[in-house]
PDB file of N, CA and C in Angstrom:
ATOM      1  N   UNK A   1     -33.831  19.153  12.496  1.00  0.00           N
ATOM      2  CA  UNK A   1     -35.000  18.319  12.267  1.00  0.00           C
ATOM      3  C   UNK A   1     -35.413  17.656  13.582  1.00  0.00           C
ATOM      4  N   UNK A   2     -36.685  17.626  13.833  1.00  0.00           N
ATOM      5  CA  UNK A   2     -37.235  17.066  15.057  1.00  0.00           C
ATOM      6  C   UNK A   2     -37.318  15.542  14.924  1.00  0.00           C
ATOM      7  N   UNK A   3     -36.828  14.843  15.928  1.00  0.00           N
ATOM      8  CA  UNK A   3     -36.893  13.388  15.937  1.00  0.00           C
ATOM      9  C   UNK A   3     -38.244  12.969  16.516  1.00  0.00           C
ATOM     10  N   UNK A   4     -39.129  12.513  15.638  1.00  0.00           N
ATOM     11  CA  UNK A   4     -40.486  12.164  16.063  1.00  0.00           C
ATOM     12  C   UNK A   4     -40.512  10.981  17.017  1.00  0.00           C
ATOM     13  N   UNK A   5     -39.603  10.035  16.860  1.00  0.00           N
ATOM     14  CA  UNK A   5     -39.571   8.869  17.751  1.00  0.00           C
ATOM     15  C   UNK A   5     -39.280   9.298  19.191  1.00  0.00           C
ATOM     16  N   UNK A   6     -38.378  10.246  19.345  1.00  0.00           N
ATOM     17  CA  UNK A   6     -38.065  10.749  20.695  1.00  0.00           C
ATOM     18  C   UNK A   6     -39.277  11.467  21.275  1.00  0.00           C
ATOM     19  N   UNK A   7     -39.919  12.308  20.466  1.00  0.00           N
ATOM     20  CA  UNK A   7     -41.110  13.021  20.939  1.00  0.00           C
ATOM     21  C   UNK A   7     -42.218  12.051  21.337  1.00  0.00           C
ATOM     22  N   UNK A   8     -42.434  11.032  20.529  1.00  0.00           N
ATOM     23  CA  UNK A   8     -43.476  10.049  20.842  1.00  0.00           C
ATOM     24  C   UNK A   8     -43.154   9.295  22.126  1.00  0.00           C
ATOM     25  N   UNK A   9     -41.893   8.951  22.322  1.00  0.00           N
ATOM     26  CA  UNK A   9     -41.489   8.270  23.549  1.00  0.00           C
ATOM     27  C   UNK A   9     -41.714   9.135  24.776  1.00  0.00           C
ATOM     28  N   UNK A  10     -41.333  10.407  24.675  1.00  0.00           N
ATOM     29  CA  UNK A  10     -41.546  11.336  25.788  1.00  0.00           C
ATOM     30  C   UNK A  10     -43.030  11.533  26.061  1.00  0.00           C
ATOM     31  N   UNK A  11     -43.825  11.597  24.990  1.00  0.00           N
ATOM     32  CA  UNK A  11     -45.265  11.763  25.148  1.00  0.00           C
ATOM     33  C   UNK A  11     -45.876  10.573  25.890  1.00  0.00           C
ATOM     34  N   UNK A  12     -45.462   9.379  25.521  1.00  0.00           N
ATOM     35  CA  UNK A  12     -45.978   8.178  26.191  1.00  0.00           C
ATOM     36  C   UNK A  12     -45.568   8.156  27.660  1.00  0.00           C
ATOM     37  N   UNK A  13     -44.324   8.515  27.931  1.00  0.00           N
ATOM     38  CA  UNK A  13     -43.859   8.565  29.315  1.00  0.00           C
ATOM     39  C   UNK A  13     -44.654   9.591  30.112  1.00  0.00           C
ATOM     40  N   UNK A  14     -44.865  10.767  29.528  1.00  0.00           N
ATOM     41  CA  UNK A  14     -45.621  11.824  30.210  1.00  0.00           C
ATOM     42  C   UNK A  14     -47.031  11.353  30.520  1.00  0.00           C
ATOM     43  N   UNK A  15     -47.651  10.687  29.573  1.00  0.00           N
ATOM     44  CA  UNK A  15     -49.011  10.195  29.772  1.00  0.00           C
ATOM     45  C   UNK A  15     -49.075   9.174  30.908  1.00  0.00           C
ATOM     46  N   UNK A  16     -48.111   8.281  30.952  1.00  0.00           N
ATOM     47  CA  UNK A  16     -48.080   7.263  32.011  1.00  0.00           C
ATOM     48  C   UNK A  16     -47.902   7.929  33.369  1.00  0.00           C
ATOM     49  N   UNK A  17     -46.943   8.853  33.457  1.00  0.00           N
ATOM     50  CA  UNK A  17     -46.720   9.542  34.730  1.00  0.00           C
ATOM     51  C   UNK A  17     -47.962  10.320  35.154  1.00  0.00           C
ATOM     52  N   UNK A  18     -48.610  10.996  34.196  1.00  0.00           N
ATOM     53  CA  UNK A  18     -49.802  11.772  34.521  1.00  0.00           C
ATOM     54  C   UNK A  18     -50.898  10.859  35.062  1.00  0.00           C
ATOM     55  N   UNK A  19     -51.125   9.750  34.405  1.00  0.00           N
ATOM     56  CA  UNK A  19     -52.168   8.811  34.841  1.00  0.00           C
ATOM     57  C   UNK A  19     -51.878   8.242  36.223  1.00  0.00           C
ATOM     58  N   UNK A  20     -50.613   8.117  36.571  1.00  0.00           N
ATOM     59  CA  UNK A  20     -50.230   7.596  37.883  1.00  0.00           C
ATOM     60  C   UNK A  20     -50.226   8.689  38.956  1.00  0.00           C
ATOM     61  N   UNK A  21     -50.490   9.929  38.548  1.00  0.00           N
ATOM     62  CA  UNK A  21     -50.489  11.033  39.506  1.00  0.00           C
ATOM     63  C   UNK A  21     -49.099  11.550  39.819  1.00  0.00           C
ATOM     64  N   UNK A  22     -48.134  11.183  39.009  1.00  0.00           N
ATOM     65  CA  UNK A  22     -46.749  11.626  39.197  1.00  0.00           C
ATOM     66  C   UNK A  22     -46.514  12.848  38.295  1.00  0.00           C
ATOM     67  N   UNK A  23     -47.132  13.940  38.701  1.00  0.00           N
ATOM     68  CA  UNK A  23     -47.184  15.138  37.877  1.00  0.00           C
ATOM     69  C   UNK A  23     -45.828  15.814  37.637  1.00  0.00           C
ATOM     70  N   UNK A  24     -44.948  15.894  38.626  1.00  0.00           N
ATOM     71  CA  UNK A  24     -43.638  16.502  38.334  1.00  0.00           C
ATOM     72  C   UNK A  24     -42.871  15.737  37.245  1.00  0.00           C
ATOM     73  N   UNK A  25     -42.960  14.410  37.266  1.00  0.00           N
ATOM     74  CA  UNK A  25     -42.277  13.616  36.250  1.00  0.00           C
ATOM     75  C   UNK A  25     -42.930  13.808  34.878  1.00  0.00           C
ATOM     76  N   UNK A  26     -44.263  13.879  34.867  1.00  0.00           N
ATOM     77  CA  UNK A  26     -44.972  14.131  33.606  1.00  0.00           C
ATOM     78  C   UNK A  26     -44.592  15.499  33.058  1.00  0.00           C
ATOM     79  N   UNK A  27     -44.532  16.474  33.930  1.00  0.00           N
ATOM     80  CA  UNK A  27     -44.177  17.829  33.521  1.00  0.00           C
ATOM     81  C   UNK A  27     -42.757  17.874  32.961  1.00  0.00           C
ATOM     82  N   UNK A  28     -41.849  17.143  33.577  1.00  0.00           N
ATOM     83  CA  UNK A  28     -40.474  17.082  33.092  1.00  0.00           C
ATOM     84  C   UNK A  28     -40.426  16.564  31.656  1.00  0.00           C
ATOM     85  N   UNK A  29     -41.170  15.502  31.380  1.00  0.00           N
ATOM     86  CA  UNK A  29     -41.182  14.931  30.024  1.00  0.00           C
ATOM     87  C   UNK A  29     -41.815  15.908  29.032  1.00  0.00           C
ATOM     88  N   UNK A  30     -42.858  16.587  29.461  1.00  0.00           N
ATOM     89  CA  UNK A  30     -43.524  17.535  28.567  1.00  0.00           C
ATOM     90  C   UNK A  30     -42.632  18.737  28.265  1.00  0.00           C
ATOM     91  N   UNK A  31     -41.882  19.181  29.253  1.00  0.00           N
ATOM     92  CA  UNK A  31     -40.969  20.299  29.026  1.00  0.00           C
ATOM     93  C   UNK A  31     -39.854  19.886  28.061  1.00  0.00           C
ATOM     94  N   UNK A  32     -39.406  18.637  28.159  1.00  0.00           N
ATOM     95  CA  UNK A  32     -38.393  18.143  27.221  1.00  0.00           C
ATOM     96  C   UNK A  32     -38.966  18.092  25.808  1.00  0.00           C
ATOM     97  N   UNK A  33     -40.228  17.699  25.692  1.00  0.00           N
ATOM     98  CA  UNK A  33     -40.880  17.693  24.382  1.00  0.00           C
ATOM     99  C   UNK A  33     -40.886  19.090  23.781  1.00  0.00           C
ATOM    100  N   UNK A  34     -41.176  20.069  24.608  1.00  0.00           N
ATOM    101  CA  UNK A  34     -41.242  21.454  24.144  1.00  0.00           C
ATOM    102  C   UNK A  34     -39.868  21.925  23.673  1.00  0.00           C
ATOM    103  N   UNK A  35     -38.823  21.570  24.413  1.00  0.00           N
ATOM    104  CA  UNK A  35     -37.465  21.958  24.027  1.00  0.00           C
ATOM    105  C   UNK A  35     -37.072  21.322  22.695  1.00  0.00           C
ATOM    106  N   UNK A  36     -37.323  20.038  22.557  1.00  0.00           N
ATOM    107  CA  UNK A  36     -36.934  19.305  21.352  1.00  0.00           C
ATOM    108  C   UNK A  36     -37.691  19.811  20.131  1.00  0.00           C
ATOM    109  N   UNK A  37     -38.964  20.081  20.300  1.00  0.00           N
ATOM    110  CA  UNK A  37     -39.808  20.490  19.168  1.00  0.00           C
ATOM    111  C   UNK A  37     -39.664  21.960  18.823  1.00  0.00           C
ATOM    112  N   UNK A  38     -38.913  22.688  19.620  1.00  0.00           N
ATOM    113  CA  UNK A  38     -38.744  24.129  19.448  1.00  0.00           C
ATOM    114  C   UNK A  38     -40.092  24.842  19.478  1.00  0.00           C
ATOM    115  N   UNK A  39     -40.944  24.392  20.404  1.00  0.00           N
ATOM    116  CA  UNK A  39     -42.250  25.016  20.657  1.00  0.00           C
ATOM    117  C   UNK A  39     -43.194  24.934  19.459  1.00  0.00           C
ATOM    118  N   UNK A  40     -43.119  23.844  18.688  1.00  0.00           N
ATOM    119  CA  UNK A  40     -44.014  23.657  17.542  1.00  0.00           C
ATOM    120  C   UNK A  40     -44.966  22.495  17.802  1.00  0.00           C
ATOM    121  N   UNK A  41     -45.635  22.539  18.917  1.00  0.00           N
ATOM    122  CA  UNK A  41     -46.523  21.445  19.295  1.00  0.00           C
ATOM    123  C   UNK A  41     -47.978  21.838  19.101  1.00  0.00           C
ATOM    124  N   UNK A  42     -48.842  20.853  19.084  1.00  0.00           N
ATOM    125  CA  UNK A  42     -50.256  21.061  18.794  1.00  0.00           C
ATOM    126  C   UNK A  42     -51.025  21.572  20.014  1.00  0.00           C
ATOM    127  N   UNK A  43     -52.238  21.987  19.753  1.00  0.00           N
ATOM    128  CA  UNK A  43     -53.112  22.487  20.816  1.00  0.00           C
ATOM    129  C   UNK A  43     -53.305  21.468  21.944  1.00  0.00           C
ATOM    130  N   UNK A  44     -53.582  20.183  21.653  1.00  0.00           N
ATOM    131  CA  UNK A  44     -53.781  19.229  22.758  1.00  0.00           C
ATOM    132  C   UNK A  44     -52.564  19.109  23.673  1.00  0.00           C
ATOM    133  N   UNK A  45     -51.362  19.268  23.119  1.00  0.00           N
ATOM    134  CA  UNK A  45     -50.164  19.244  23.967  1.00  0.00           C
ATOM    135  C   UNK A  45     -50.260  20.338  25.022  1.00  0.00           C
ATOM    136  N   UNK A  46     -50.635  21.537  24.603  1.00  0.00           N
ATOM    137  CA  UNK A  46     -50.698  22.654  25.552  1.00  0.00           C
ATOM    138  C   UNK A  46     -51.827  22.489  26.566  1.00  0.00           C
ATOM    139  N   UNK A  47     -52.879  21.834  26.168  1.00  0.00           N
ATOM    140  CA  UNK A  47     -53.946  21.536  27.124  1.00  0.00           C
ATOM    141  C   UNK A  47     -53.415  20.579  28.200  1.00  0.00           C
ATOM    142  N   UNK A  48     -52.702  19.556  27.775  1.00  0.00           N
ATOM    143  CA  UNK A  48     -52.120  18.606  28.733  1.00  0.00           C
ATOM    144  C   UNK A  48     -51.055  19.266  29.602  1.00  0.00           C
ATOM    145  N   UNK A  49     -50.248  20.120  28.991  1.00  0.00           N
ATOM    146  CA  UNK A  49     -49.219  20.835  29.747  1.00  0.00           C
ATOM    147  C   UNK A  49     -49.865  21.708  30.819  1.00  0.00           C
ATOM    148  N   UNK A  50     -50.931  22.397  30.458  1.00  0.00           N
ATOM    149  CA  UNK A  50     -51.636  23.249  31.422  1.00  0.00           C
ATOM    150  C   UNK A  50     -52.178  22.426  32.582  1.00  0.00           C
ATOM    151  N   UNK A  51     -52.702  21.258  32.280  1.00  0.00           N
ATOM    152  CA  UNK A  51     -53.216  20.395  33.343  1.00  0.00           C
ATOM    153  C   UNK A  51     -52.095  19.946  34.278  1.00  0.00           C
ATOM    154  N   UNK A  52     -50.934  19.645  33.714  1.00  0.00           N
ATOM    155  CA  UNK A  52     -49.784  19.279  34.563  1.00  0.00           C
ATOM    156  C   UNK A  52     -49.396  20.435  35.474  1.00  0.00           C
ATOM    157  N   UNK A  53     -49.273  21.617  34.890  1.00  0.00           N
ATOM    158  CA  UNK A  53     -48.923  22.784  35.709  1.00  0.00           C
ATOM    159  C   UNK A  53     -49.968  23.013  36.799  1.00  0.00           C
ATOM    160  N   UNK A  54     -51.222  22.824  36.472  1.00  0.00           N
ATOM    161  CA  UNK A  54     -52.281  22.998  37.473  1.00  0.00           C
ATOM    162  C   UNK A  54     -52.116  22.018  38.628  1.00  0.00           C
ATOM    163  N   UNK A  55     -51.759  20.798  38.301  1.00  0.00           N
ATOM    164  CA  UNK A  55     -51.636  19.753  39.327  1.00  0.00           C
ATOM    165  C   UNK A  55     -50.450  19.964  40.262  1.00  0.00           C
ATOM    166  N   UNK A  56     -49.454  20.736  39.794  1.00  0.00           N
ATOM    167  CA  UNK A  56     -48.312  21.032  40.671  1.00  0.00           C
ATOM    168  C   UNK A  56     -48.365  22.479  41.168  1.00  0.00           C
ATOM    169  N   UNK A  57     -49.558  23.088  41.058  1.00  0.00           N
ATOM    170  CA  UNK A  57     -49.842  24.410  41.624  1.00  0.00           C
ATOM    171  C   UNK A  57     -48.950  25.517  41.052  1.00  0.00           C
ATOM    172  N   UNK A  58     -48.682  25.446  39.748  1.00  0.00           N
ATOM    173  CA  UNK A  58     -47.940  26.502  39.068  1.00  0.00           C
ATOM    174  C   UNK A  58     -48.945  27.253  38.174  1.00  0.00           C
ATOM    175  N   UNK A  59     -49.698  28.119  38.829  1.00  0.00           N
ATOM    176  CA  UNK A  59     -50.839  28.767  38.182  1.00  0.00           C
ATOM    177  C   UNK A  59     -50.450  29.620  36.974  1.00  0.00           C
ATOM    178  N   UNK A  60     -49.401  30.413  37.091  1.00  0.00           N
ATOM    179  CA  UNK A  60     -49.019  31.288  35.980  1.00  0.00           C
ATOM    180  C   UNK A  60     -48.669  30.467  34.741  1.00  0.00           C
ATOM    181  N   UNK A  61     -47.898  29.405  34.930  1.00  0.00           N
ATOM    182  CA  UNK A  61     -47.515  28.558  33.805  1.00  0.00           C
ATOM    183  C   UNK A  61     -48.739  27.847  33.224  1.00  0.00           C
ATOM    184  N   UNK A  62     -49.660  27.451  34.098  1.00  0.00           N
ATOM    185  CA  UNK A  62     -50.888  26.796  33.634  1.00  0.00           C
ATOM    186  C   UNK A  62     -51.700  27.749  32.768  1.00  0.00           C
ATOM    187  N   UNK A  63     -51.849  28.987  33.208  1.00  0.00           N
ATOM    188  CA  UNK A  63     -52.605  29.984  32.437  1.00  0.00           C
ATOM    189  C   UNK A  63     -51.924  30.231  31.096  1.00  0.00           C
ATOM    190  N   UNK A  64     -50.606  30.352  31.089  1.00  0.00           N
ATOM    191  CA  UNK A  64     -49.881  30.565  29.827  1.00  0.00           C
ATOM    192  C   UNK A  64     -50.101  29.395  28.871  1.00  0.00           C
ATOM    193  N   UNK A  65     -50.041  28.179  29.387  1.00  0.00           N
ATOM    194  CA  UNK A  65     -50.249  26.999  28.545  1.00  0.00           C
ATOM    195  C   UNK A  65     -51.688  26.939  28.043  1.00  0.00           C
ATOM    196  N   UNK A  66     -52.651  27.283  28.895  1.00  0.00           N
ATOM    197  CA  UNK A  66     -54.055  27.325  28.458  1.00  0.00           C
ATOM    198  C   UNK A  66     -54.239  28.354  27.337  1.00  0.00           C
ATOM    199  N   UNK A  67     -53.576  29.482  27.457  1.00  0.00           N
ATOM    200  CA  UNK A  67     -53.677  30.507  26.410  1.00  0.00           C
ATOM    201  C   UNK A  67     -53.129  29.984  25.081  1.00  0.00           C
ATOM    202  N   UNK A  68     -51.984  29.279  25.146  1.00  0.00           N
ATOM    203  CA  UNK A  68     -51.425  28.697  23.921  1.00  0.00           C
ATOM    204  C   UNK A  68     -52.378  27.654  23.357  1.00  0.00           C
ATOM    205  N   UNK A  69     -52.980  26.880  24.237  1.00  0.00           N
ATOM    206  CA  UNK A  69     -53.957  25.891  23.777  1.00  0.00           C
ATOM    207  C   UNK A  69     -55.079  26.579  23.005  1.00  0.00           C
ATOM    208  N   UNK A  70     -55.653  27.616  23.585  1.00  0.00           N
ATOM    209  CA  UNK A  70     -56.773  28.312  22.937  1.00  0.00           C
ATOM    210  C   UNK A  70     -56.340  28.957  21.628  1.00  0.00           C
ATOM    211  N   UNK A  71     -55.159  29.542  21.602  1.00  0.00           N
ATOM    212  CA  UNK A  71     -54.651  30.166  20.385  1.00  0.00           C
ATOM    213  C   UNK A  71     -54.441  29.128  19.290  1.00  0.00           C
ATOM    214  N   UNK A  72     -53.804  28.023  19.641  1.00  0.00           N
ATOM    215  CA  UNK A  72     -53.493  27.009  18.626  1.00  0.00           C
ATOM    216  C   UNK A  72     -54.716  26.205  18.213  1.00  0.00           C
ATOM    217  N   UNK A  73     -55.712  26.134  19.081  1.00  0.00           N
ATOM    218  CA  UNK A  73     -56.928  25.406  18.707  1.00  0.00           C
ATOM    219  C   UNK A  73     -57.850  26.283  17.868  1.00  0.00           C
ATOM    220  N   UNK A  74     -57.592  27.595  17.890  1.00  0.00           N
ATOM    221  CA  UNK A  74     -58.424  28.511  17.123  1.00  0.00           C
ATOM    222  C   UNK A  74     -59.781  28.741  17.750  1.00  0.00           C
ATOM    223  N   UNK A  75     -59.874  28.459  19.049  1.00  0.00           N
ATOM    224  CA  UNK A  75     -61.170  28.589  19.710  1.00  0.00           C
ATOM    225  C   UNK A  75     -61.016  29.351  21.013  1.00  0.00           C
ATOM    226  N   UNK A  76     -62.016  30.098  21.318  1.00  0.00           N
ATOM    227  CA  UNK A  76     -62.095  30.726  22.637  1.00  0.00           C
ATOM    228  C   UNK A  76     -63.486  30.507  23.208  1.00  0.00           C
ATOM    229  N   UNK A  77     -64.089  29.411  22.779  1.00  0.00           N
ATOM    230  CA  UNK A  77     -65.464  29.140  23.175  1.00  0.00           C
ATOM    231  C   UNK A  77     -65.569  28.776  24.652  1.00  0.00           C
ATOM    232  N   UNK A  78     -66.725  28.995  25.189  1.00  0.00           N
ATOM    233  CA  UNK A  78     -67.006  28.647  26.574  1.00  0.00           C
ATOM    234  C   UNK A  78     -66.861  27.141  26.770  1.00  0.00           C
ATOM    235  N   UNK A  79     -67.239  26.355  25.778  1.00  0.00           N
ATOM    236  CA  UNK A  79     -67.132  24.894  25.891  1.00  0.00           C
ATOM    237  C   UNK A  79     -65.681  24.466  26.079  1.00  0.00           C
ATOM    238  N   UNK A  80     -64.757  25.059  25.351  1.00  0.00           N
ATOM    239  CA  UNK A  80     -63.347  24.741  25.543  1.00  0.00           C
ATOM    240  C   UNK A  80     -62.892  25.124  26.941  1.00  0.00           C
ATOM    241  N   UNK A  81     -63.336  26.248  27.409  1.00  0.00           N
ATOM    242  CA  UNK A  81     -62.951  26.675  28.749  1.00  0.00           C
ATOM    243  C   UNK A  81     -63.485  25.725  29.806  1.00  0.00           C
ATOM    244  N   UNK A  82     -64.680  25.202  29.606  1.00  0.00           N
ATOM    245  CA  UNK A  82     -65.248  24.229  30.558  1.00  0.00           C
ATOM    246  C   UNK A  82     -64.423  22.958  30.572  1.00  0.00           C
ATOM    247  N   UNK A  83     -63.940  22.527  29.421  1.00  0.00           N
ATOM    248  CA  UNK A  83     -63.146  21.304  29.332  1.00  0.00           C
ATOM    249  C   UNK A  83     -61.832  21.441  30.089  1.00  0.00           C
ATOM    250  N   UNK A  84     -61.352  22.638  30.237  1.00  0.00           N
ATOM    251  CA  UNK A  84     -60.070  22.865  30.887  1.00  0.00           C
ATOM    252  C   UNK A  84     -60.150  22.743  32.402  1.00  0.00           C
ATOM    253  N   UNK A  85     -61.327  22.882  32.959  1.00  0.00           N
ATOM    254  CA  UNK A  85     -61.429  22.879  34.418  1.00  0.00           C
ATOM    255  C   UNK A  85     -61.556  21.478  34.973  1.00  0.00           C
TER     256      UNK A  85
END
């Protein structure tokens, strides 16, 4: 069973680090979220994960996360793609 309190804490930490421009630390928290949740996270999580990967110049991982975002959001619209850039 996934501990939601732990996931929420990691999410808040990731958000704070991201806002401060501390992308490696944000990415670390997001990767821990993925491990704990056994990859059962929502589309917005993958959008944020992709942005973290982009900020630390990990293009392949960013593209993979963007693909998961689009798959889980059920959209492949141009508008969603614009939001990602």
